[in-house]
Amino acid sequence: MDKAGKNVTFRGIGGNHDRIGVKHGEDIQRTAALAIYEMIKRGISQTEINLQYFIGHVHTFQIGDINYIIHHGDN
């Protein structure tokens, strides 16, 4: 919880604009997205902001009693 009394969470999933290479198949793991998310995570490490980034293209997470499914249709 931050100083304003709010819980802040960011969840990211790499996509087709987050690749290092020019063509789709040149960076399947979306390394650029992972590097950017890791830099953000390190930059906010002194705060109470929770940052999660996902490596695959489909993930689920739960907030309260709601299950969320996120997907990036990059493939």
PDB file of N, CA and C in Angstrom:
ATOM      1  N   MET A   1       0.844  -1.164   0.000  1.00  0.00           N
ATOM      2  CA  MET A   1       0.000   0.000   0.000  1.00  0.00           C
ATOM      3  C   MET A   1       0.900   1.242   0.000  1.00  0.00           C
ATOM      4  N   ASP A   2       0.600   2.196  -0.872  1.00  0.00           N
ATOM      5  CA  ASP A   2       1.432   3.390  -0.961  1.00  0.00           C
ATOM      6  C   ASP A   2       0.999   4.445   0.056  1.00  0.00           C
ATOM      7  N   LYS A   3       1.655   5.586   0.054  1.00  0.00           N
ATOM      8  CA  LYS A   3       1.370   6.650   1.021  1.00  0.00           C
ATOM      9  C   LYS A   3      -0.046   7.183   0.913  1.00  0.00           C
ATOM     10  N   ALA A   4      -0.637   7.076  -0.257  1.00  0.00           N
ATOM     11  CA  ALA A   4      -2.007   7.544  -0.458  1.00  0.00           C
ATOM     12  C   ALA A   4      -3.034   6.486  -0.060  1.00  0.00           C
ATOM     13  N   GLY A   5      -2.551   5.343   0.420  1.00  0.00           N
ATOM     14  CA  GLY A   5      -3.452   4.291   0.852  1.00  0.00           C
ATOM     15  C   GLY A   5      -4.001   3.442  -0.281  1.00  0.00           C
ATOM     16  N   LYS A   6      -3.288   3.410  -1.395  1.00  0.00           N
ATOM     17  CA  LYS A   6      -3.754   2.646  -2.551  1.00  0.00           C
ATOM     18  C   LYS A   6      -2.785   1.509  -2.861  1.00  0.00           C
ATOM     19  N   ASN A   7      -3.334   0.405  -3.292  1.00  0.00           N
ATOM     20  CA  ASN A   7      -2.515  -0.702  -3.783  1.00  0.00           C
ATOM     21  C   ASN A   7      -2.295  -0.488  -5.273  1.00  0.00           C
ATOM     22  N   VAL A   8      -1.046  -0.485  -5.699  1.00  0.00           N
ATOM     23  CA  VAL A   8      -0.726  -0.251  -7.106  1.00  0.00           C
ATOM     24  C   VAL A   8      -0.020  -1.483  -7.654  1.00  0.00           C
ATOM     25  N   THR A   9      -0.588  -2.052  -8.718  1.00  0.00           N
ATOM     26  CA  THR A   9      -0.012  -3.217  -9.368  1.00  0.00           C
ATOM     27  C   THR A   9      -0.015  -2.992 -10.869  1.00  0.00           C
ATOM     28  N   PHE A  10       1.083  -3.340 -11.507  1.00  0.00           N
ATOM     29  CA  PHE A  10       1.187  -3.274 -12.965  1.00  0.00           C
ATOM     30  C   PHE A  10       1.500  -4.668 -13.460  1.00  0.00           C
ATOM     31  N   ARG A  11       0.766  -5.115 -14.464  1.00  0.00           N
ATOM     32  CA  ARG A  11       1.030  -6.414 -15.074  1.00  0.00           C
ATOM     33  C   ARG A  11       1.263  -6.191 -16.557  1.00  0.00           C
ATOM     34  N   GLY A  12       2.358  -6.722 -17.067  1.00  0.00           N
ATOM     35  CA  GLY A  12       2.691  -6.516 -18.474  1.00  0.00           C
ATOM     36  C   GLY A  12       2.920  -7.812 -19.202  1.00  0.00           C
ATOM     37  N   ILE A  13       2.600  -7.800 -20.479  1.00  0.00           N
ATOM     38  CA  ILE A  13       2.835  -8.955 -21.324  1.00  0.00           C
ATOM     39  C   ILE A  13       3.435  -8.440 -22.627  1.00  0.00           C
ATOM     40  N   GLY A  14       4.573  -9.001 -22.993  1.00  0.00           N
ATOM     41  CA  GLY A  14       5.255  -8.559 -24.204  1.00  0.00           C
ATOM     42  C   GLY A  14       4.459  -8.887 -25.449  1.00  0.00           C
ATOM     43  N   GLY A  15       4.548  -8.027 -26.437  1.00  0.00           N
ATOM     44  CA  GLY A  15       3.776  -8.238 -27.648  1.00  0.00           C
ATOM     45  C   GLY A  15       4.568  -7.994 -28.912  1.00  0.00           C
ATOM     46  N   ASN A  16       3.856  -7.859 -30.002  1.00  0.00           N
ATOM     47  CA  ASN A  16       4.500  -7.770 -31.298  1.00  0.00           C
ATOM     48  C   ASN A  16       5.299  -6.482 -31.489  1.00  0.00           C
ATOM     49  N   HIS A  17       5.052  -5.446 -30.727  1.00  0.00           N
ATOM     50  CA  HIS A  17       5.810  -4.209 -30.845  1.00  0.00           C
ATOM     51  C   HIS A  17       7.013  -4.182 -29.902  1.00  0.00           C
ATOM     52  N   ASP A  18       7.206  -5.237 -29.155  1.00  0.00           N
ATOM     53  CA  ASP A  18       8.245  -5.288 -28.128  1.00  0.00           C
ATOM     54  C   ASP A  18       9.412  -6.176 -28.522  1.00  0.00           C
ATOM     55  N   ARG A  19       9.622  -6.406 -29.777  1.00  0.00           N
ATOM     56  CA  ARG A  19      10.722  -7.264 -30.201  1.00  0.00           C
ATOM     57  C   ARG A  19      11.938  -6.420 -30.592  1.00  0.00           C
ATOM     58  N   ILE A  20      13.088  -7.029 -30.490  1.00  0.00           N
ATOM     59  CA  ILE A  20      14.329  -6.358 -30.867  1.00  0.00           C
ATOM     60  C   ILE A  20      14.533  -6.438 -32.378  1.00  0.00           C
ATOM     61  N   GLY A  21      14.216  -7.581 -32.985  1.00  0.00           N
ATOM     62  CA  GLY A  21      14.409  -7.764 -34.421  1.00  0.00           C
ATOM     63  C   GLY A  21      13.340  -7.060 -35.234  1.00  0.00           C
ATOM     64  N   VAL A  22      13.530  -7.037 -36.522  1.00  0.00           N
ATOM     65  CA  VAL A  22      12.583  -6.391 -37.430  1.00  0.00           C
ATOM     66  C   VAL A  22      11.412  -7.317 -37.744  1.00  0.00           C
ATOM     67  N   LYS A  23      11.707  -8.593 -37.968  1.00  0.00           N
ATOM     68  CA  LYS A  23      10.675  -9.549 -38.350  1.00  0.00           C
ATOM     69  C   LYS A  23      10.127 -10.289 -37.140  1.00  0.00           C
ATOM     70  N   HIS A  24       8.923 -10.767 -37.300  1.00  0.00           N
ATOM     71  CA  HIS A  24       8.217 -11.459 -36.214  1.00  0.00           C
ATOM     72  C   HIS A  24       9.047 -12.562 -35.554  1.00  0.00           C
ATOM     73  N   GLY A  25       9.675 -13.407 -36.362  1.00  0.00           N
ATOM     74  CA  GLY A  25      10.382 -14.556 -35.832  1.00  0.00           C
ATOM     75  C   GLY A  25      11.769 -14.271 -35.283  1.00  0.00           C
ATOM     76  N   GLU A  26      12.230 -13.041 -35.347  1.00  0.00           N
ATOM     77  CA  GLU A  26      13.593 -12.723 -34.910  1.00  0.00           C
ATOM     78  C   GLU A  26      13.727 -12.572 -33.396  1.00  0.00           C
ATOM     79  N   ASP A  27      12.637 -12.407 -32.702  1.00  0.00           N
ATOM     80  CA  ASP A  27      12.694 -12.278 -31.241  1.00  0.00           C
ATOM     81  C   ASP A  27      11.399 -12.823 -30.649  1.00  0.00           C
ATOM     82  N   ILE A  28      11.247 -14.141 -30.715  1.00  0.00           N
ATOM     83  CA  ILE A  28      10.021 -14.794 -30.244  1.00  0.00           C
ATOM     84  C   ILE A  28       9.762 -14.517 -28.770  1.00  0.00           C
ATOM     85  N   GLN A  29      10.814 -14.422 -27.964  1.00  0.00           N
ATOM     86  CA  GLN A  29      10.654 -14.225 -26.522  1.00  0.00           C
ATOM     87  C   GLN A  29      10.367 -12.775 -26.157  1.00  0.00           C
ATOM     88  N   ARG A  30      10.404 -11.881 -27.125  1.00  0.00           N
ATOM     89  CA  ARG A  30      10.153 -10.450 -26.889  1.00  0.00           C
ATOM     90  C   ARG A  30      11.106  -9.895 -25.837  1.00  0.00           C
ATOM     91  N   THR A  31      12.384 -10.082 -26.120  1.00  0.00           N
ATOM     92  CA  THR A  31      13.447  -9.688 -25.196  1.00  0.00           C
ATOM     93  C   THR A  31      13.403  -8.207 -24.850  1.00  0.00           C
ATOM     94  N   ALA A  32      13.040  -7.365 -25.803  1.00  0.00           N
ATOM     95  CA  ALA A  32      12.968  -5.922 -25.525  1.00  0.00           C
ATOM     96  C   ALA A  32      11.957  -5.645 -24.426  1.00  0.00           C
ATOM     97  N   ALA A  33      10.792  -6.278 -24.494  1.00  0.00           N
ATOM     98  CA  ALA A  33       9.772  -6.077 -23.467  1.00  0.00           C
ATOM     99  C   ALA A  33      10.287  -6.529 -22.109  1.00  0.00           C
ATOM    100  N   LEU A  34      10.943  -7.682 -22.078  1.00  0.00           N
ATOM    101  CA  LEU A  34      11.459  -8.196 -20.804  1.00  0.00           C
ATOM    102  C   LEU A  34      12.502  -7.254 -20.211  1.00  0.00           C
ATOM    103  N   ALA A  35      13.374  -6.714 -21.057  1.00  0.00           N
ATOM    104  CA  ALA A  35      14.394  -5.777 -20.573  1.00  0.00           C
ATOM    105  C   ALA A  35      13.751  -4.502 -20.047  1.00  0.00           C
ATOM    106  N   ILE A  36      12.774  -3.984 -20.761  1.00  0.00           N
ATOM    107  CA  ILE A  36      12.092  -2.757 -20.320  1.00  0.00           C
ATOM    108  C   ILE A  36      11.357  -2.996 -19.003  1.00  0.00           C
ATOM    109  N   TYR A  37      10.615  -4.090 -18.912  1.00  0.00           N
ATOM    110  CA  TYR A  37       9.895  -4.381 -17.668  1.00  0.00           C
ATOM    111  C   TYR A  37      10.854  -4.556 -16.498  1.00  0.00           C
ATOM    112  N   GLU A  38      11.994  -5.188 -16.735  1.00  0.00           N
ATOM    113  CA  GLU A  38      12.965  -5.384 -15.659  1.00  0.00           C
ATOM    114  C   GLU A  38      13.562  -4.045 -15.219  1.00  0.00           C
ATOM    115  N   MET A  39      13.830  -3.148 -16.158  1.00  0.00           N
ATOM    116  CA  MET A  39      14.344  -1.819 -15.788  1.00  0.00           C
ATOM    117  C   MET A  39      13.310  -1.036 -14.980  1.00  0.00           C
ATOM    118  N   ILE A  40      12.054  -1.124 -15.394  1.00  0.00           N
ATOM    119  CA  ILE A  40      10.993  -0.457 -14.633  1.00  0.00           C
ATOM    120  C   ILE A  40      10.899  -1.052 -13.235  1.00  0.00           C
ATOM    121  N   LYS A  41      10.938  -2.384 -13.154  1.00  0.00           N
ATOM    122  CA  LYS A  41      10.836  -3.071 -11.864  1.00  0.00           C
ATOM    123  C   LYS A  41      11.959  -2.644 -10.919  1.00  0.00           C
ATOM    124  N   ARG A  42      13.179  -2.552 -11.450  1.00  0.00           N
ATOM    125  CA  ARG A  42      14.308  -2.112 -10.630  1.00  0.00           C
ATOM    126  C   ARG A  42      14.165  -0.651 -10.237  1.00  0.00           C
ATOM    127  N   GLY A  43      13.646   0.172 -11.155  1.00  0.00           N
ATOM    128  CA  GLY A  43      13.479   1.589 -10.883  1.00  0.00           C
ATOM    129  C   GLY A  43      12.460   1.882  -9.802  1.00  0.00           C
ATOM    130  N   ILE A  44      11.437   1.033  -9.700  1.00  0.00           N
ATOM    131  CA  ILE A  44      10.403   1.259  -8.689  1.00  0.00           C
ATOM    132  C   ILE A  44      10.591   0.380  -7.459  1.00  0.00           C
ATOM    133  N   SER A  45      11.737  -0.266  -7.357  1.00  0.00           N
ATOM    134  CA  SER A  45      11.957  -1.220  -6.260  1.00  0.00           C
ATOM    135  C   SER A  45      11.897  -0.568  -4.878  1.00  0.00           C
ATOM    136  N   GLN A  46      12.123   0.714  -4.792  1.00  0.00           N
ATOM    137  CA  GLN A  46      12.063   1.403  -3.504  1.00  0.00           C
ATOM    138  C   GLN A  46      10.638   1.833  -3.157  1.00  0.00           C
ATOM    139  N   THR A  47       9.707   1.618  -4.063  1.00  0.00           N
ATOM    140  CA  THR A  47       8.307   1.944  -3.803  1.00  0.00           C
ATOM    141  C   THR A  47       7.574   0.661  -3.434  1.00  0.00           C
ATOM    142  N   GLU A  48       6.314   0.806  -3.167  1.00  0.00           N
ATOM    143  CA  GLU A  48       5.514  -0.380  -2.872  1.00  0.00           C
ATOM    144  C   GLU A  48       4.645  -0.777  -4.059  1.00  0.00           C
ATOM    145  N   ILE A  49       5.040  -0.354  -5.249  1.00  0.00           N
ATOM    146  CA  ILE A  49       4.327  -0.740  -6.464  1.00  0.00           C
ATOM    147  C   ILE A  49       4.729  -2.161  -6.831  1.00  0.00           C
ATOM    148  N   ASN A  50       3.750  -2.983  -7.100  1.00  0.00           N
ATOM    149  CA  ASN A  50       3.981  -4.373  -7.482  1.00  0.00           C
ATOM    150  C   ASN A  50       3.971  -4.460  -9.000  1.00  0.00           C
ATOM    151  N   LEU A  51       5.058  -4.921  -9.593  1.00  0.00           N
ATOM    152  CA  LEU A  51       5.137  -5.080 -11.046  1.00  0.00           C
ATOM    153  C   LEU A  51       5.357  -6.547 -11.371  1.00  0.00           C
ATOM    154  N   GLN A  52       4.503  -7.074 -12.213  1.00  0.00           N
ATOM    155  CA  GLN A  52       4.646  -8.443 -12.687  1.00  0.00           C
ATOM    156  C   GLN A  52       4.682  -8.400 -14.199  1.00  0.00           C
ATOM    157  N   TYR A  53       5.624  -9.103 -14.808  1.00  0.00           N
ATOM    158  CA  TYR A  53       5.590  -9.227 -16.256  1.00  0.00           C
ATOM    159  C   TYR A  53       5.584 -10.697 -16.611  1.00  0.00           C
ATOM    160  N   PHE A  54       4.898 -10.977 -17.685  1.00  0.00           N
ATOM    161  CA  PHE A  54       4.666 -12.352 -18.085  1.00  0.00           C
ATOM    162  C   PHE A  54       5.494 -12.674 -19.318  1.00  0.00           C
ATOM    163  N   ILE A  55       6.056 -13.856 -19.351  1.00  0.00           N
ATOM    164  CA  ILE A  55       6.929 -14.260 -20.440  1.00  0.00           C
ATOM    165  C   ILE A  55       6.134 -14.892 -21.584  1.00  0.00           C
ATOM    166  N   GLY A  56       5.108 -15.630 -21.279  1.00  0.00           N
ATOM    167  CA  GLY A  56       4.303 -16.263 -22.320  1.00  0.00           C
ATOM    168  C   GLY A  56       3.268 -15.311 -22.895  1.00  0.00           C
ATOM    169  N   HIS A  57       2.434 -15.820 -23.776  1.00  0.00           N
ATOM    170  CA  HIS A  57       1.428 -14.988 -24.428  1.00  0.00           C
ATOM    171  C   HIS A  57       0.056 -15.092 -23.775  1.00  0.00           C
ATOM    172  N   VAL A  58      -0.128 -16.051 -22.863  1.00  0.00           N
ATOM    173  CA  VAL A  58      -1.395 -16.204 -22.159  1.00  0.00           C
ATOM    174  C   VAL A  58      -1.097 -16.392 -20.680  1.00  0.00           C
ATOM    175  N   HIS A  59      -1.772 -15.634 -19.851  1.00  0.00           N
ATOM    176  CA  HIS A  59      -1.593 -15.759 -18.402  1.00  0.00           C
ATOM    177  C   HIS A  59      -2.900 -15.487 -17.695  1.00  0.00           C
ATOM    178  N   THR A  60      -2.984 -15.996 -16.488  1.00  0.00           N
ATOM    179  CA  THR A  60      -4.146 -15.729 -15.647  1.00  0.00           C
ATOM    180  C   THR A  60      -3.667 -15.229 -14.297  1.00  0.00           C
ATOM    181  N   PHE A  61      -4.489 -14.416 -13.669  1.00  0.00           N
ATOM    182  CA  PHE A  61      -4.223 -13.974 -12.306  1.00  0.00           C
ATOM    183  C   PHE A  61      -5.555 -13.633 -11.660  1.00  0.00           C
ATOM    184  N   GLN A  62      -5.552 -13.561 -10.352  1.00  0.00           N
ATOM    185  CA  GLN A  62      -6.777 -13.328  -9.613  1.00  0.00           C
ATOM    186  C   GLN A  62      -6.647 -12.057  -8.792  1.00  0.00           C
ATOM    187  N   ILE A  63      -7.692 -11.261  -8.823  1.00  0.00           N
ATOM    188  CA  ILE A  63      -7.811 -10.098  -7.959  1.00  0.00           C
ATOM    189  C   ILE A  63      -9.142 -10.238  -7.238  1.00  0.00           C
ATOM    190  N   GLY A  64      -9.068 -10.382  -5.925  1.00  0.00           N
ATOM    191  CA  GLY A  64     -10.285 -10.635  -5.171  1.00  0.00           C
ATOM    192  C   GLY A  64     -10.880 -11.955  -5.603  1.00  0.00           C
ATOM    193  N   ASP A  65     -12.156 -11.926  -5.968  1.00  0.00           N
ATOM    194  CA  ASP A  65     -12.798 -13.172  -6.411  1.00  0.00           C
ATOM    195  C   ASP A  65     -12.987 -13.225  -7.930  1.00  0.00           C
ATOM    196  N   ILE A  66     -12.233 -12.404  -8.658  1.00  0.00           N
ATOM    197  CA  ILE A  66     -12.323 -12.390 -10.120  1.00  0.00           C
ATOM    198  C   ILE A  66     -11.035 -12.940 -10.719  1.00  0.00           C
ATOM    199  N   ASN A  67     -11.161 -13.912 -11.610  1.00  0.00           N
ATOM    200  CA  ASN A  67     -10.022 -14.459 -12.343  1.00  0.00           C
ATOM    201  C   ASN A  67      -9.913 -13.739 -13.679  1.00  0.00           C
ATOM    202  N   TYR A  68      -8.732 -13.238 -13.991  1.00  0.00           N
ATOM    203  CA  TYR A  68      -8.486 -12.530 -15.238  1.00  0.00           C
ATOM    204  C   TYR A  68      -7.616 -13.386 -16.136  1.00  0.00           C
ATOM    205  N   ILE A  69      -7.900 -13.351 -17.405  1.00  0.00           N
ATOM    206  CA  ILE A  69      -7.080 -14.026 -18.412  1.00  0.00           C
ATOM    207  C   ILE A  69      -6.590 -12.941 -19.360  1.00  0.00           C
ATOM    208  N   ILE A  70      -5.263 -12.874 -19.532  1.00  0.00           N
ATOM    209  CA  ILE A  70      -4.722 -11.919 -20.503  1.00  0.00           C
ATOM    210  C   ILE A  70      -4.030 -12.691 -21.599  1.00  0.00           C
ATOM    211  N   HIS A  71      -4.147 -12.160 -22.788  1.00  0.00           N
ATOM    212  CA  HIS A  71      -3.598 -12.843 -23.954  1.00  0.00           C
ATOM    213  C   HIS A  71      -3.142 -11.802 -24.946  1.00  0.00           C
ATOM    214  N   HIS A  72      -2.018 -12.061 -25.556  1.00  0.00           N
ATOM    215  CA  HIS A  72      -1.580 -11.222 -26.651  1.00  0.00           C
ATOM    216  C   HIS A  72      -1.511 -12.101 -27.878  1.00  0.00           C
ATOM    217  N   GLY A  73      -2.337 -11.814 -28.860  1.00  0.00           N
ATOM    218  CA  GLY A  73      -2.461 -12.660 -30.037  1.00  0.00           C
ATOM    219  C   GLY A  73      -1.337 -12.465 -31.037  1.00  0.00           C
ATOM    220  N   ASP A  74      -0.131 -12.484 -30.571  1.00  0.00           N
ATOM    221  CA  ASP A  74       1.034 -12.210 -31.412  1.00  0.00           C
ATOM    222  C   ASP A  74       1.390 -13.388 -32.303  1.00  0.00           C
ATOM    223  N   ASN A  75       1.001 -14.579 -31.918  1.00  0.00           N
ATOM    224  CA  ASN A  75       1.314 -15.764 -32.728  1.00  0.00           C
ATOM    225  C   ASN A  75       0.053 -16.233 -33.420  1.00  0.00           C
TER     226      ASN A  75
END
